[in-house]
Amino acid sequence: MGGDIKTAAKSSLSHSSLIQPLISGRVRYPLCPLTLQEEEEEEEEEEEEEEVEEEEEEEEEEEEEEEEEEEEEEEEEGL
């Protein structure tokens, strides 16, 4: 029974795919195995998404302002 635990521990530690990233320093947080490049790319994507959202909000505000102006003009013409 004790041999099974030792064997299991050895086999799980022998996986170079698990150990190598830690040895090479590519993984900053063992629970979050993103490389620095991947983190930077993710941050860039988030920034781009935020910019797109801001642009969409600005466009919506402009459209609302235009609609309000049109309504005011129609009211003035109606008087």
Protein backbone atom coordinates (compact mmCIF):
# COMPACT_ATOMS: atom_id res chain seq x y z
CA MET A 1 0.00 0.00 0.00
CA GLY A 2 2.82 2.41 0.87
CA GLY A 3 4.57 1.60 -2.41
CA ASP A 4 1.55 2.75 -4.37
CA ILE A 5 1.75 6.22 -2.85
CA LYS A 6 5.47 6.52 -3.59
CA THR A 7 4.95 5.34 -7.16
CA ALA A 8 2.11 7.77 -7.68
CA ALA A 9 4.18 10.64 -6.29
CA LYS A 10 7.15 9.80 -8.50
CA SER A 11 5.03 9.46 -11.63
CA SER A 12 3.23 12.74 -11.02
CA LEU A 13 6.51 14.56 -10.43
CA SER A 14 8.14 13.05 -13.48
CA HIS A 15 5.87 14.92 -15.89
CA SER A 16 8.21 17.45 -17.45
CA SER A 17 5.24 19.39 -18.79
CA LEU A 18 4.36 20.27 -15.20
CA ILE A 19 7.86 20.92 -13.89
CA GLN A 20 9.64 22.50 -16.88
CA PRO A 21 7.63 25.77 -16.96
CA LEU A 22 8.40 26.26 -13.27
CA ILE A 23 12.12 25.62 -13.80
CA SER A 24 12.37 27.93 -16.82
CA GLY A 25 10.62 30.76 -14.94
CA ARG A 26 7.90 31.19 -17.54
CA VAL A 27 5.20 30.73 -14.95
CA ARG A 28 4.88 33.55 -12.45
CA TYR A 29 1.99 31.94 -10.56
CA PRO A 30 1.76 28.15 -10.57
CA LEU A 31 -2.04 28.33 -10.43
CA CYS A 32 -2.18 30.71 -13.41
CA PRO A 33 0.19 29.34 -16.08
CA LEU A 34 0.23 32.34 -18.44
CA THR A 35 3.49 33.53 -19.88
CA LEU A 36 4.37 37.22 -19.70
CA GLN A 37 3.65 37.56 -23.41
CA GLU A 38 0.20 36.02 -23.00
CA GLU A 39 -0.52 38.37 -20.09
CA GLU A 40 0.52 41.38 -22.18
CA GLU A 41 -1.63 40.22 -25.10
CA GLU A 42 -4.58 39.75 -22.76
CA GLU A 43 -4.12 43.25 -21.34
CA GLU A 44 -3.91 44.71 -24.85
CA GLU A 45 -7.14 42.95 -25.84
CA GLU A 46 -8.89 44.30 -22.75
CA GLU A 47 -7.68 47.83 -23.52
CA GLU A 48 -8.90 47.52 -27.11
CA GLU A 49 -12.30 46.29 -25.91
CA GLU A 50 -12.54 49.24 -23.51
CA GLU A 51 -11.70 51.66 -26.32
CA VAL A 52 -14.37 50.12 -28.55
CA GLU A 53 -16.93 50.38 -25.74
CA GLU A 54 -16.02 54.03 -25.15
CA GLU A 55 -16.37 54.80 -28.86
CA GLU A 56 -19.77 53.09 -28.97
CA GLU A 57 -20.93 55.08 -25.94
CA GLU A 58 -19.78 58.33 -27.56
CA GLU A 59 -21.64 57.44 -30.77
CA GLU A 60 -24.81 56.69 -28.80
CA GLU A 61 -24.54 60.02 -26.98
CA GLU A 62 -24.07 61.85 -30.29
CA GLU A 63 -27.12 60.10 -31.76
CA GLU A 64 -29.21 61.03 -28.72
CA GLU A 65 -28.10 64.67 -29.00
CA GLU A 66 -29.00 64.71 -32.70
CA GLU A 67 -32.43 63.24 -31.95
CA GLU A 68 -33.03 65.85 -29.25
CA GLU A 69 -32.03 68.64 -31.63
CA GLU A 70 -34.37 67.29 -34.31
CA GLU A 71 -37.22 67.12 -31.80
CA GLU A 72 -36.56 70.71 -30.71
CA GLU A 73 -36.53 71.87 -34.35
CA GLU A 74 -39.81 70.06 -35.02
CA GLU A 75 -41.37 71.68 -31.95
CA GLU A 76 -40.18 75.12 -33.07
CA GLU A 77 -41.57 74.55 -36.58
CA GLY A 78 -44.86 73.35 -35.13
CA LEU A 79 -45.32 76.57 -33.13
